[in-house]
Amino acid sequence: ELPALQVPKYSLELSLPEFEILSMPRNIFIPALGNITYDFSFKSSVIALSANAGLY
C-alpha cells in the first residue's frame, strides 16, 4: 500500500501583457535603385534547373 501524498493546490493566475497593434502603412515605398535582377542555376547529373527574376 502506497502512502497518500499531499499535493499542495496553488492558485495559478496568468496575465498576458497588452499589445497594441500598430497600424501598418498601406503603401510600402521602395527607393529607386535601378533594375534588380537575380539569376539562379543548378546543374547536376540528373537535372538542370535555372530561374531568373527581375524588378524593373
C-alpha atoms as a PDB file:
ATOM      1  CA  GLU A   1       0.000   0.000   0.000  1.00  0.00           C
ATOM      2  CA  LEU A   2       1.405   3.373  -1.025  1.00  0.00           C
ATOM      3  CA  PRO A   3       1.269   6.321   1.355  1.00  0.00           C
ATOM      4  CA  ALA A   4      -1.039   9.171   0.394  1.00  0.00           C
ATOM      5  CA  LEU A   5       0.846  12.149  -0.965  1.00  0.00           C
ATOM      6  CA  GLN A   6      -0.373  15.611  -0.134  1.00  0.00           C
ATOM      7  CA  VAL A   7      -0.166  17.797  -3.220  1.00  0.00           C
ATOM      8  CA  PRO A   8      -0.499  21.499  -2.463  1.00  0.00           C
ATOM      9  CA  LYS A   9      -3.067  23.372  -4.500  1.00  0.00           C
ATOM     10  CA  TYR A  10      -1.717  26.573  -5.950  1.00  0.00           C
ATOM     11  CA  SER A  11      -3.932  29.205  -7.433  1.00  0.00           C
ATOM     12  CA  LEU A  12      -2.264  29.886 -10.744  1.00  0.00           C
ATOM     13  CA  GLU A  13      -3.048  33.176 -12.434  1.00  0.00           C
ATOM     14  CA  LEU A  14      -1.635  34.019 -15.796  1.00  0.00           C
ATOM     15  CA  SER A  15      -1.829  37.537 -17.084  1.00  0.00           C
ATOM     16  CA  LEU A  16      -0.721  38.348 -20.572  1.00  0.00           C
ATOM     17  CA  PRO A  17       0.747  41.740 -21.397  1.00  0.00           C
ATOM     18  CA  GLU A  18      -1.388  44.017 -23.502  1.00  0.00           C
ATOM     19  CA  PHE A  19      -0.183  44.533 -27.021  1.00  0.00           C
ATOM     20  CA  GLU A  20      -1.165  47.453 -29.188  1.00  0.00           C
ATOM     21  CA  ILE A  21      -1.313  46.580 -32.847  1.00  0.00           C
ATOM     22  CA  LEU A  22       0.214  49.438 -34.762  1.00  0.00           C
ATOM     23  CA  SER A  23      -1.468  50.424 -37.977  1.00  0.00           C
ATOM     24  CA  MET A  24       0.609  49.220 -40.878  1.00  0.00           C
ATOM     25  CA  PRO A  25       1.147  51.565 -43.798  1.00  0.00           C
ATOM     26  CA  ARG A  26      -0.891  50.587 -46.829  1.00  0.00           C
ATOM     27  CA  ASN A  27       1.843  51.565 -49.255  1.00  0.00           C
ATOM     28  CA  ILE A  28       5.439  50.462 -48.950  1.00  0.00           C
ATOM     29  CA  PHE A  29       7.753  52.708 -50.898  1.00  0.00           C
ATOM     30  CA  ILE A  30      10.851  51.138 -52.402  1.00  0.00           C
ATOM     31  CA  PRO A  31      13.587  53.633 -53.226  1.00  0.00           C
ATOM     32  CA  ALA A  32      14.677  53.655 -56.834  1.00  0.00           C
ATOM     33  CA  LEU A  33      17.932  51.726 -57.007  1.00  0.00           C
ATOM     34  CA  GLY A  34      17.775  50.807 -60.654  1.00  0.00           C
ATOM     35  CA  ASN A  35      16.957  47.387 -62.004  1.00  0.00           C
ATOM     36  CA  ILE A  36      17.216  44.475 -59.592  1.00  0.00           C
ATOM     37  CA  THR A  37      17.807  41.116 -61.214  1.00  0.00           C
ATOM     38  CA  TYR A  38      18.514  37.670 -59.813  1.00  0.00           C
ATOM     39  CA  ASP A  39      19.761  34.621 -61.679  1.00  0.00           C
ATOM     40  CA  PHE A  40      19.888  31.119 -60.247  1.00  0.00           C
ATOM     41  CA  SER A  41      21.158  27.958 -61.868  1.00  0.00           C
ATOM     42  CA  PHE A  42      21.626  24.453 -60.530  1.00  0.00           C
ATOM     43  CA  LYS A  43      23.143  21.622 -62.521  1.00  0.00           C
ATOM     44  CA  SER A  44      23.583  18.005 -61.566  1.00  0.00           C
ATOM     45  CA  SER A  45      23.929  14.743 -63.428  1.00  0.00           C
ATOM     46  CA  VAL A  46      20.174  14.195 -63.181  1.00  0.00           C
ATOM     47  CA  ILE A  47      18.587  17.617 -63.600  1.00  0.00           C
ATOM     48  CA  ALA A  48      19.437  21.137 -64.646  1.00  0.00           C
ATOM     49  CA  LEU A  49      17.417  23.991 -63.206  1.00  0.00           C
ATOM     50  CA  SER A  50      17.633  27.683 -63.944  1.00  0.00           C
ATOM     51  CA  ALA A  51      15.486  30.586 -62.838  1.00  0.00           C
ATOM     52  CA  ASN A  52      15.665  34.332 -63.034  1.00  0.00           C
ATOM     53  CA  ALA A  53      13.653  37.206 -61.651  1.00  0.00           C
ATOM     54  CA  GLY A  54      13.750  40.937 -62.019  1.00  0.00           C
ATOM     55  CA  LEU A  55      12.248  44.186 -60.800  1.00  0.00           C
ATOM     56  CA  TYR A  56      12.319  46.945 -63.366  1.00  0.00           C
END
